[in-house]
Amino acid sequence: EFGVNFSTDKKTLLIIGGSLGARTINQSLIAHLNDLIDSDIQLIWQTGKNYFADCKKALETLPHDNIICTDFVSQMPLAYALADLVISRAGASSISELCLLGKPSILVPSPNVAEDHQTHNAMALVKKDAAVLVKDVDAKDTLIATALPLIKDDKQLAALHDNILKLALPNSARLIAEEVMKLATK
């Protein structure tokens, strides 16, 4: 799944848009493919199945040895291990994974969820300097312009890593089970 051209000496940007994909995130990448190709980074681009054909087509005529484009990442632990920076939606499970792994991230909350929950999720991290927020409406113009300088800023990446790790709840299943048991015995 991950090409032999990938190097541990180069920074790696991981894009995850969920199993169906995130239209705005994919459109943002397509709009700035030349910037990504010209940058000295590697890209693991999980498009989701709804957008894979369009994303693959956008890459067809471009040199893209530094880009892995796939509809689904089957080796997610490896993708996370390679990633220096992650671009993701801000669903609860995504945020939980990013916190537990201490991954610096740019969150692009989906505007299509009830009560704007993803923005609230993202802001909980942003307020603690544990993630960067790019609004969905601004993503096409600003997402890649935000990601490229950030992935090369080791000091900022380290700060995001340290701050997001502080928010992780590694024993969450046990804590929930203990609360359920407390309630059940009342």
N, C-alpha and C. Protein backbone atom coordinates (compact mmCIF):
# COMPACT_ATOMS: atom_id res chain seq x y z
N GLU A 1 0.82 -1.21 0.00
CA GLU A 1 0.00 0.00 0.00
C GLU A 1 0.86 1.26 0.00
N PHE A 2 1.94 1.26 0.79
CA PHE A 2 2.80 2.44 0.84
C PHE A 2 4.01 2.20 -0.04
N GLY A 3 4.19 3.10 -1.00
CA GLY A 3 5.20 2.91 -2.03
C GLY A 3 6.62 2.89 -1.50
N VAL A 4 7.49 2.25 -2.26
CA VAL A 4 8.90 2.17 -1.89
C VAL A 4 9.58 3.54 -2.00
N ASN A 5 8.93 4.46 -2.68
CA ASN A 5 9.51 5.80 -2.82
C ASN A 5 9.42 6.62 -1.54
N PHE A 6 8.64 6.15 -0.58
CA PHE A 6 8.49 6.91 0.66
C PHE A 6 9.75 6.78 1.51
N SER A 7 10.13 7.91 2.12
CA SER A 7 11.36 7.96 2.89
C SER A 7 11.07 8.46 4.30
N THR A 8 11.78 7.93 5.27
CA THR A 8 11.61 8.40 6.65
C THR A 8 12.30 9.75 6.85
N ASP A 9 13.09 10.18 5.86
CA ASP A 9 13.78 11.47 5.96
C ASP A 9 12.89 12.64 5.56
N LYS A 10 11.77 12.34 4.91
CA LYS A 10 10.88 13.41 4.45
C LYS A 10 9.63 13.47 5.32
N LYS A 11 9.10 14.67 5.46
CA LYS A 11 7.86 14.86 6.22
C LYS A 11 6.69 14.23 5.46
N THR A 12 5.76 13.66 6.21
CA THR A 12 4.61 13.00 5.61
C THR A 12 3.32 13.62 6.14
N LEU A 13 2.46 13.99 5.21
CA LEU A 13 1.14 14.54 5.51
C LEU A 13 0.11 13.45 5.24
N LEU A 14 -0.71 13.17 6.24
CA LEU A 14 -1.77 12.16 6.11
C LEU A 14 -3.11 12.88 6.03
N ILE A 15 -3.86 12.57 4.99
CA ILE A 15 -5.20 13.13 4.80
C ILE A 15 -6.21 12.01 5.01
N ILE A 16 -7.10 12.18 5.99
CA ILE A 16 -8.13 11.17 6.21
C ILE A 16 -9.50 11.84 6.19
N GLY A 17 -10.36 11.35 5.31
CA GLY A 17 -11.68 11.97 5.16
C GLY A 17 -12.83 11.03 5.47
N GLY A 18 -12.53 9.92 6.12
CA GLY A 18 -13.59 8.97 6.43
C GLY A 18 -13.81 8.00 5.28
N SER A 19 -14.58 6.95 5.52
CA SER A 19 -14.73 5.89 4.52
C SER A 19 -15.42 6.37 3.24
N LEU A 20 -16.33 7.32 3.37
CA LEU A 20 -16.99 7.85 2.17
C LEU A 20 -16.20 9.00 1.57
N GLY A 21 -15.41 9.67 2.39
CA GLY A 21 -14.61 10.80 1.92
C GLY A 21 -15.18 12.12 2.38
N ALA A 22 -14.36 13.13 2.29
CA ALA A 22 -14.75 14.49 2.67
C ALA A 22 -14.57 15.38 1.45
N ARG A 23 -15.68 15.77 0.84
CA ARG A 23 -15.64 16.49 -0.43
C ARG A 23 -14.75 17.72 -0.39
N THR A 24 -14.93 18.56 0.63
CA THR A 24 -14.17 19.81 0.68
C THR A 24 -12.67 19.56 0.83
N ILE A 25 -12.31 18.60 1.66
CA ILE A 25 -10.89 18.28 1.83
C ILE A 25 -10.30 17.80 0.51
N ASN A 26 -11.00 16.90 -0.18
CA ASN A 26 -10.52 16.41 -1.47
C ASN A 26 -10.42 17.53 -2.50
N GLN A 27 -11.42 18.40 -2.55
CA GLN A 27 -11.40 19.53 -3.50
C GLN A 27 -10.24 20.46 -3.19
N SER A 28 -9.94 20.63 -1.91
CA SER A 28 -8.83 21.50 -1.51
C SER A 28 -7.50 20.94 -2.00
N LEU A 29 -7.34 19.63 -1.89
CA LEU A 29 -6.11 19.00 -2.37
C LEU A 29 -6.01 19.08 -3.89
N ILE A 30 -7.10 18.79 -4.57
CA ILE A 30 -7.09 18.85 -6.04
C ILE A 30 -6.73 20.26 -6.52
N ALA A 31 -7.26 21.27 -5.84
CA ALA A 31 -7.00 22.66 -6.24
C ALA A 31 -5.54 23.06 -6.04
N HIS A 32 -4.83 22.34 -5.17
CA HIS A 32 -3.45 22.72 -4.86
C HIS A 32 -2.46 21.57 -5.07
N LEU A 33 -2.78 20.68 -6.01
CA LEU A 33 -1.90 19.54 -6.26
C LEU A 33 -0.49 19.95 -6.65
N ASN A 34 -0.38 20.99 -7.46
CA ASN A 34 0.96 21.42 -7.87
C ASN A 34 1.79 21.88 -6.68
N ASP A 35 1.17 22.58 -5.75
CA ASP A 35 1.89 23.02 -4.54
C ASP A 35 2.36 21.81 -3.74
N LEU A 36 1.50 20.79 -3.63
CA LEU A 36 1.85 19.58 -2.88
C LEU A 36 2.95 18.80 -3.58
N ILE A 37 2.86 18.69 -4.89
CA ILE A 37 3.87 17.96 -5.66
C ILE A 37 5.22 18.68 -5.58
N ASP A 38 5.19 20.01 -5.64
CA ASP A 38 6.44 20.80 -5.60
C ASP A 38 7.06 20.87 -4.22
N SER A 39 6.26 20.63 -3.18
CA SER A 39 6.79 20.69 -1.82
C SER A 39 7.66 19.46 -1.60
N ASP A 40 8.51 19.52 -0.62
CA ASP A 40 9.41 18.39 -0.37
C ASP A 40 8.82 17.48 0.69
N ILE A 41 7.53 17.18 0.55
CA ILE A 41 6.86 16.31 1.52
C ILE A 41 6.24 15.11 0.80
N GLN A 42 5.83 14.14 1.59
CA GLN A 42 5.12 12.97 1.09
C GLN A 42 3.67 13.07 1.56
N LEU A 43 2.79 12.50 0.77
CA LEU A 43 1.37 12.63 1.06
C LEU A 43 0.69 11.26 0.99
N ILE A 44 0.00 10.90 2.07
CA ILE A 44 -0.88 9.73 2.06
C ILE A 44 -2.29 10.31 2.05
N TRP A 45 -2.96 10.11 0.92
CA TRP A 45 -4.25 10.77 0.66
C TRP A 45 -5.35 9.73 0.61
N GLN A 46 -6.11 9.64 1.69
CA GLN A 46 -7.25 8.73 1.75
C GLN A 46 -8.47 9.52 1.31
N THR A 47 -8.94 9.23 0.09
CA THR A 47 -9.99 10.03 -0.52
C THR A 47 -11.40 9.65 -0.07
N GLY A 48 -11.57 8.40 0.38
CA GLY A 48 -12.91 7.87 0.59
C GLY A 48 -13.44 7.36 -0.74
N LYS A 49 -14.35 6.41 -0.70
CA LYS A 49 -14.76 5.75 -1.95
C LYS A 49 -15.54 6.67 -2.89
N ASN A 50 -16.24 7.66 -2.35
CA ASN A 50 -17.05 8.54 -3.20
C ASN A 50 -16.22 9.46 -4.09
N TYR A 51 -14.96 9.72 -3.72
CA TYR A 51 -14.15 10.72 -4.42
C TYR A 51 -12.89 10.15 -5.05
N PHE A 52 -12.69 8.84 -4.90
CA PHE A 52 -11.44 8.22 -5.37
C PHE A 52 -11.22 8.44 -6.86
N ALA A 53 -12.24 8.21 -7.68
CA ALA A 53 -12.08 8.34 -9.14
C ALA A 53 -11.67 9.76 -9.52
N ASP A 54 -12.32 10.76 -8.93
CA ASP A 54 -11.99 12.16 -9.25
C ASP A 54 -10.56 12.51 -8.83
N CYS A 55 -10.18 12.05 -7.66
CA CYS A 55 -8.84 12.37 -7.15
C CYS A 55 -7.77 11.68 -7.99
N LYS A 56 -8.01 10.44 -8.34
CA LYS A 56 -7.08 9.68 -9.17
C LYS A 56 -6.93 10.35 -10.54
N LYS A 57 -8.04 10.81 -11.09
CA LYS A 57 -8.02 11.48 -12.40
C LYS A 57 -7.22 12.78 -12.34
N ALA A 58 -7.36 13.51 -11.24
CA ALA A 58 -6.63 14.78 -11.09
C ALA A 58 -5.12 14.54 -11.07
N LEU A 59 -4.71 13.38 -10.58
CA LEU A 59 -3.28 13.05 -10.50
C LEU A 59 -2.72 12.47 -11.79
N GLU A 60 -3.59 11.99 -12.67
CA GLU A 60 -3.19 11.23 -13.85
C GLU A 60 -2.03 11.83 -14.64
N THR A 61 -2.12 13.11 -14.94
CA THR A 61 -1.13 13.73 -15.83
C THR A 61 0.01 14.40 -15.07
N LEU A 62 0.00 14.27 -13.75
CA LEU A 62 1.02 14.95 -12.95
C LEU A 62 2.04 13.95 -12.40
N PRO A 63 3.29 14.38 -12.24
CA PRO A 63 4.26 13.50 -11.58
C PRO A 63 3.91 13.44 -10.10
N HIS A 64 3.71 12.26 -9.57
CA HIS A 64 3.25 12.19 -8.17
C HIS A 64 3.89 11.03 -7.41
N ASP A 65 5.20 10.90 -7.53
CA ASP A 65 5.91 9.86 -6.77
C ASP A 65 5.79 10.06 -5.27
N ASN A 66 5.56 11.31 -4.86
CA ASN A 66 5.48 11.62 -3.43
C ASN A 66 4.05 11.53 -2.88
N ILE A 67 3.12 10.99 -3.69
CA ILE A 67 1.72 10.93 -3.26
C ILE A 67 1.19 9.51 -3.39
N ILE A 68 0.64 9.00 -2.30
CA ILE A 68 -0.12 7.75 -2.33
C ILE A 68 -1.58 8.15 -2.23
N CYS A 69 -2.34 7.81 -3.25
CA CYS A 69 -3.77 8.14 -3.30
C CYS A 69 -4.56 6.84 -3.24
N THR A 70 -5.41 6.73 -2.24
CA THR A 70 -6.17 5.49 -2.04
C THR A 70 -7.55 5.82 -1.50
N ASP A 71 -8.53 4.96 -1.81
CA ASP A 71 -9.87 5.22 -1.28
C ASP A 71 -9.98 4.81 0.18
N PHE A 72 -9.11 3.86 0.59
CA PHE A 72 -9.19 3.32 1.95
C PHE A 72 -7.79 2.91 2.39
N VAL A 73 -7.41 3.28 3.59
CA VAL A 73 -6.09 2.88 4.12
C VAL A 73 -6.29 1.66 5.00
N SER A 74 -5.77 0.53 4.55
CA SER A 74 -5.93 -0.70 5.32
C SER A 74 -4.89 -0.80 6.43
N GLN A 75 -3.76 -0.11 6.26
CA GLN A 75 -2.69 -0.15 7.26
C GLN A 75 -2.66 1.17 8.04
N MET A 76 -3.76 1.45 8.72
CA MET A 76 -3.89 2.72 9.43
C MET A 76 -2.81 2.94 10.49
N PRO A 77 -2.44 1.93 11.28
CA PRO A 77 -1.36 2.16 12.25
C PRO A 77 -0.06 2.62 11.58
N LEU A 78 0.25 2.06 10.43
CA LEU A 78 1.46 2.46 9.70
C LEU A 78 1.31 3.88 9.16
N ALA A 79 0.14 4.19 8.63
CA ALA A 79 -0.11 5.55 8.11
C ALA A 79 0.07 6.58 9.22
N TYR A 80 -0.50 6.31 10.39
CA TYR A 80 -0.34 7.23 11.52
C TYR A 80 1.13 7.31 11.95
N ALA A 81 1.81 6.18 11.95
CA ALA A 81 3.22 6.18 12.36
C ALA A 81 4.07 7.03 11.41
N LEU A 82 3.76 6.99 10.13
CA LEU A 82 4.51 7.78 9.14
C LEU A 82 4.18 9.26 9.20
N ALA A 83 2.98 9.59 9.66
CA ALA A 83 2.47 10.97 9.56
C ALA A 83 3.14 11.92 10.54
N ASP A 84 3.60 13.03 10.00
CA ASP A 84 4.10 14.14 10.84
C ASP A 84 2.96 15.11 11.13
N LEU A 85 1.97 15.15 10.23
CA LEU A 85 0.82 16.03 10.36
C LEU A 85 -0.37 15.34 9.72
N VAL A 86 -1.54 15.47 10.36
CA VAL A 86 -2.76 14.83 9.87
C VAL A 86 -3.79 15.91 9.58
N ILE A 87 -4.44 15.80 8.42
CA ILE A 87 -5.62 16.62 8.12
C ILE A 87 -6.82 15.69 8.22
N SER A 88 -7.82 16.10 9.03
CA SER A 88 -8.95 15.21 9.31
C SER A 88 -10.21 16.02 9.57
N ARG A 89 -11.35 15.36 9.43
CA ARG A 89 -12.59 15.89 9.96
C ARG A 89 -12.47 15.85 11.48
N ALA A 90 -13.49 16.31 12.18
CA ALA A 90 -13.38 16.44 13.64
C ALA A 90 -14.46 15.64 14.36
N GLY A 91 -14.73 14.45 13.86
CA GLY A 91 -15.65 13.56 14.55
C GLY A 91 -15.03 13.06 15.84
N ALA A 92 -15.86 12.60 16.75
CA ALA A 92 -15.37 12.19 18.08
C ALA A 92 -14.34 11.07 17.99
N SER A 93 -14.58 10.07 17.15
CA SER A 93 -13.62 8.95 17.08
C SER A 93 -12.31 9.39 16.46
N SER A 94 -12.36 10.25 15.46
CA SER A 94 -11.11 10.77 14.85
C SER A 94 -10.31 11.55 15.88
N ILE A 95 -10.99 12.42 16.62
CA ILE A 95 -10.29 13.23 17.64
C ILE A 95 -9.70 12.33 18.71
N SER A 96 -10.44 11.33 19.13
CA SER A 96 -9.94 10.40 20.14
C SER A 96 -8.65 9.73 19.68
N GLU A 97 -8.63 9.26 18.43
CA GLU A 97 -7.42 8.63 17.88
C GLU A 97 -6.26 9.61 17.85
N LEU A 98 -6.51 10.82 17.37
CA LEU A 98 -5.45 11.82 17.26
C LEU A 98 -4.87 12.15 18.64
N CYS A 99 -5.73 12.24 19.65
CA CYS A 99 -5.27 12.51 21.02
C CYS A 99 -4.42 11.36 21.55
N LEU A 100 -4.92 10.14 21.41
CA LEU A 100 -4.20 8.98 21.93
C LEU A 100 -2.84 8.81 21.27
N LEU A 101 -2.76 9.17 19.97
CA LEU A 101 -1.51 9.01 19.23
C LEU A 101 -0.62 10.25 19.30
N GLY A 102 -1.16 11.34 19.83
CA GLY A 102 -0.38 12.57 19.94
C GLY A 102 -0.04 13.18 18.60
N LYS A 103 -0.96 13.07 17.64
CA LYS A 103 -0.67 13.53 16.28
C LYS A 103 -1.03 15.00 16.08
N PRO A 104 -0.06 15.81 15.66
CA PRO A 104 -0.37 17.18 15.26
C PRO A 104 -1.39 17.14 14.13
N SER A 105 -2.39 18.01 14.20
CA SER A 105 -3.45 17.90 13.21
C SER A 105 -4.05 19.25 12.84
N ILE A 106 -4.58 19.27 11.62
CA ILE A 106 -5.43 20.36 11.15
C ILE A 106 -6.81 19.75 11.02
N LEU A 107 -7.75 20.30 11.74
CA LEU A 107 -9.12 19.78 11.74
C LEU A 107 -10.00 20.65 10.85
N VAL A 108 -10.77 19.97 10.00
CA VAL A 108 -11.71 20.64 9.11
C VAL A 108 -13.09 20.09 9.44
N PRO A 109 -13.79 20.71 10.40
CA PRO A 109 -15.08 20.17 10.84
C PRO A 109 -16.08 20.09 9.69
N SER A 110 -16.81 18.98 9.65
CA SER A 110 -17.87 18.84 8.65
C SER A 110 -19.02 19.78 9.01
N PRO A 111 -19.54 20.50 8.02
CA PRO A 111 -20.68 21.37 8.29
C PRO A 111 -22.00 20.60 8.25
N ASN A 112 -21.93 19.31 7.93
CA ASN A 112 -23.15 18.52 7.71
C ASN A 112 -23.51 17.63 8.88
N VAL A 113 -23.21 18.06 10.10
CA VAL A 113 -23.56 17.24 11.26
C VAL A 113 -24.47 18.03 12.20
N ALA A 114 -25.22 17.31 12.98
CA ALA A 114 -26.20 17.93 13.89
C ALA A 114 -25.52 18.88 14.87
N GLU A 115 -26.13 20.03 15.04
CA GLU A 115 -25.71 21.01 16.04
C GLU A 115 -24.25 21.40 15.95
N ASP A 116 -23.66 21.25 14.75
CA ASP A 116 -22.27 21.66 14.51
C ASP A 116 -21.31 21.02 15.51
N HIS A 117 -21.56 19.76 15.86
CA HIS A 117 -20.75 19.06 16.87
C HIS A 117 -19.28 19.04 16.52
N GLN A 118 -18.95 18.87 15.23
CA GLN A 118 -17.54 18.75 14.88
C GLN A 118 -16.78 20.04 15.14
N THR A 119 -17.42 21.18 14.95
CA THR A 119 -16.74 22.45 15.27
C THR A 119 -16.50 22.54 16.77
N HIS A 120 -17.48 22.13 17.57
CA HIS A 120 -17.29 22.12 19.03
C HIS A 120 -16.16 21.18 19.43
N ASN A 121 -16.10 19.99 18.80
CA ASN A 121 -15.01 19.04 19.07
C ASN A 121 -13.66 19.68 18.75
N ALA A 122 -13.58 20.29 17.58
CA ALA A 122 -12.31 20.89 17.15
C ALA A 122 -11.90 22.03 18.08
N MET A 123 -12.86 22.87 18.45
CA MET A 123 -12.55 24.03 19.29
C MET A 123 -12.03 23.62 20.67
N ALA A 124 -12.48 22.48 21.16
CA ALA A 124 -11.98 21.99 22.45
C ALA A 124 -10.47 21.78 22.38
N LEU A 125 -9.96 21.34 21.23
CA LEU A 125 -8.53 21.16 21.04
C LEU A 125 -7.83 22.47 20.72
N VAL A 126 -8.44 23.25 19.84
CA VAL A 126 -7.83 24.52 19.41
C VAL A 126 -7.61 25.45 20.61
N LYS A 127 -8.57 25.50 21.54
CA LYS A 127 -8.45 26.37 22.72
C LYS A 127 -7.28 25.98 23.61
N LYS A 128 -6.83 24.72 23.50
CA LYS A 128 -5.70 24.25 24.30
C LYS A 128 -4.43 24.16 23.46
N ASP A 129 -4.43 24.83 22.30
CA ASP A 129 -3.28 24.79 21.37
C ASP A 129 -2.87 23.36 21.05
N ALA A 130 -3.88 22.49 20.87
CA ALA A 130 -3.64 21.08 20.61
C ALA A 130 -3.98 20.69 19.17
N ALA A 131 -4.50 21.62 18.39
CA ALA A 131 -4.83 21.38 16.98
C ALA A 131 -5.03 22.73 16.30
N VAL A 132 -5.06 22.70 14.98
CA VAL A 132 -5.31 23.89 14.17
C VAL A 132 -6.65 23.68 13.48
N LEU A 133 -7.44 24.72 13.40
CA LEU A 133 -8.77 24.66 12.78
C LEU A 133 -8.75 25.37 11.43
N VAL A 134 -9.28 24.72 10.42
CA VAL A 134 -9.59 25.37 9.15
C VAL A 134 -11.06 25.11 8.89
N LYS A 135 -11.84 26.17 8.76
CA LYS A 135 -13.27 26.01 8.52
C LYS A 135 -13.50 25.43 7.13
N ASP A 136 -14.51 24.57 7.03
CA ASP A 136 -14.85 23.93 5.76
C ASP A 136 -15.02 24.95 4.64
N VAL A 137 -15.67 26.06 4.94
CA VAL A 137 -15.95 27.08 3.93
C VAL A 137 -14.66 27.74 3.43
N ASP A 138 -13.61 27.73 4.24
CA ASP A 138 -12.33 28.36 3.87
C ASP A 138 -11.31 27.37 3.33
N ALA A 139 -11.62 26.08 3.42
CA ALA A 139 -10.61 25.05 3.17
C ALA A 139 -9.99 25.12 1.78
N LYS A 140 -10.80 25.33 0.77
CA LYS A 140 -10.26 25.31 -0.59
C LYS A 140 -9.17 26.37 -0.76
N ASP A 141 -9.33 27.50 -0.11
CA ASP A 141 -8.33 28.57 -0.21
C ASP A 141 -7.19 28.43 0.78
N THR A 142 -7.47 27.93 1.99
CA THR A 142 -6.46 28.04 3.05
C THR A 142 -5.89 26.73 3.59
N LEU A 143 -6.51 25.59 3.30
CA LEU A 143 -6.07 24.34 3.93
C LEU A 143 -4.62 24.00 3.59
N ILE A 144 -4.28 23.96 2.33
CA ILE A 144 -2.91 23.59 1.93
C ILE A 144 -1.94 24.72 2.28
N ALA A 145 -2.39 25.95 2.18
CA ALA A 145 -1.54 27.09 2.57
C ALA A 145 -1.24 27.07 4.07
N THR A 146 -2.09 26.44 4.85
CA THR A 146 -1.86 26.28 6.29
C THR A 146 -0.97 25.06 6.55
N ALA A 147 -1.24 23.98 5.82
CA ALA A 147 -0.54 22.71 6.07
C ALA A 147 0.94 22.75 5.69
N LEU A 148 1.27 23.34 4.55
CA LEU A 148 2.66 23.27 4.07
C LEU A 148 3.66 23.97 4.99
N PRO A 149 3.38 25.19 5.47
CA PRO A 149 4.33 25.78 6.42
C PRO A 149 4.35 25.04 7.76
N LEU A 150 3.17 24.57 8.21
CA LEU A 150 3.09 23.90 9.51
C LEU A 150 3.90 22.61 9.52
N ILE A 151 3.83 21.82 8.48
CA ILE A 151 4.52 20.52 8.48
C ILE A 151 6.04 20.69 8.51
N LYS A 152 6.51 21.88 8.14
CA LYS A 152 7.96 22.14 8.15
C LYS A 152 8.41 22.86 9.43
N ASP A 153 7.45 23.18 10.29
CA ASP A 153 7.74 23.91 11.53
C ASP A 153 7.84 22.93 12.70
N ASP A 154 9.05 22.42 12.92
CA ASP A 154 9.24 21.38 13.95
C ASP A 154 8.82 21.85 15.34
N LYS A 155 9.05 23.11 15.64
CA LYS A 155 8.71 23.64 16.96
C LYS A 155 7.18 23.62 17.18
N GLN A 156 6.45 24.05 16.17
CA GLN A 156 4.98 24.07 16.27
C GLN A 156 4.42 22.64 16.30
N LEU A 157 4.99 21.75 15.49
CA LEU A 157 4.54 20.35 15.50
C LEU A 157 4.76 19.73 16.87
N ALA A 158 5.90 20.02 17.48
CA ALA A 158 6.20 19.47 18.81
C ALA A 158 5.22 20.00 19.85
N ALA A 159 4.88 21.28 19.76
CA ALA A 159 3.93 21.88 20.70
C ALA A 159 2.55 21.25 20.54
N LEU A 160 2.11 21.07 19.29
CA LEU A 160 0.80 20.44 19.04
C LEU A 160 0.81 19.01 19.57
N HIS A 161 1.90 18.29 19.34
CA HIS A 161 2.03 16.91 19.84
C HIS A 161 1.91 16.87 21.36
N ASP A 162 2.66 17.71 22.04
CA ASP A 162 2.65 17.72 23.51
C ASP A 162 1.26 18.07 24.04
N ASN A 163 0.63 19.07 23.43
CA ASN A 163 -0.66 19.55 23.93
C ASN A 163 -1.80 18.58 23.66
N ILE A 164 -1.80 17.91 22.50
CA ILE A 164 -2.89 16.98 22.20
C ILE A 164 -2.77 15.72 23.06
N LEU A 165 -1.54 15.31 23.36
CA LEU A 165 -1.35 14.12 24.21
C LEU A 165 -1.95 14.32 25.59
N LYS A 166 -1.93 15.57 26.08
CA LYS A 166 -2.48 15.87 27.41
C LYS A 166 -3.99 15.66 27.46
N LEU A 167 -4.63 15.65 26.29
CA LEU A 167 -6.09 15.53 26.24
C LEU A 167 -6.56 14.09 26.05
N ALA A 168 -5.63 13.17 25.86
CA ALA A 168 -5.99 11.78 25.62
C ALA A 168 -6.57 11.13 26.87
N LEU A 169 -7.51 10.23 26.66
CA LEU A 169 -8.09 9.43 27.74
C LEU A 169 -7.81 7.96 27.44
N PRO A 170 -6.60 7.50 27.79
CA PRO A 170 -6.23 6.13 27.40
C PRO A 170 -7.05 5.04 28.08
N ASN A 171 -7.65 5.33 29.23
CA ASN A 171 -8.44 4.31 29.94
C ASN A 171 -9.93 4.56 29.81
N SER A 172 -10.35 5.15 28.70
CA SER A 172 -11.75 5.58 28.58
C SER A 172 -12.75 4.43 28.71
N ALA A 173 -12.46 3.28 28.13
CA ALA A 173 -13.40 2.15 28.22
C ALA A 173 -13.59 1.71 29.67
N ARG A 174 -12.48 1.64 30.42
CA ARG A 174 -12.56 1.24 31.83
C ARG A 174 -13.33 2.28 32.64
N LEU A 175 -13.06 3.57 32.37
CA LEU A 175 -13.75 4.65 33.10
C LEU A 175 -15.26 4.61 32.85
N ILE A 176 -15.64 4.35 31.60
CA ILE A 176 -17.06 4.26 31.27
C ILE A 176 -17.69 3.06 31.98
N ALA A 177 -16.99 1.92 31.93
CA ALA A 177 -17.50 0.71 32.59
C ALA A 177 -17.68 0.93 34.08
N GLU A 178 -16.72 1.62 34.70
CA GLU A 178 -16.83 1.89 36.15
C GLU A 178 -18.03 2.77 36.45
N GLU A 179 -18.28 3.78 35.60
CA GLU A 179 -19.44 4.65 35.80
C GLU A 179 -20.74 3.87 35.64
N VAL A 180 -20.79 2.99 34.63
CA VAL A 180 -21.98 2.16 34.41
C VAL A 180 -22.24 1.28 35.62
N MET A 181 -21.16 0.68 36.16
CA MET A 181 -21.31 -0.18 37.35
C MET A 181 -21.81 0.62 38.55
N LYS A 182 -21.30 1.83 38.72
CA LYS A 182 -21.75 2.69 39.82
C LYS A 182 -23.24 2.97 39.71
N LEU A 183 -23.66 3.32 38.47
CA LEU A 183 -25.07 3.62 38.24
C LEU A 183 -25.94 2.38 38.42
N ALA A 184 -25.44 1.25 38.00
CA ALA A 184 -26.21 0.00 38.08
C ALA A 184 -26.41 -0.45 39.51
N THR A 185 -25.48 -0.13 40.40
CA THR A 185 -25.59 -0.58 41.78
C THR A 185 -26.39 0.39 42.64
N LYS A 186 -26.76 1.53 42.10
CA LYS A 186 -27.55 2.50 42.88
C LYS A 186 -29.00 2.10 42.99
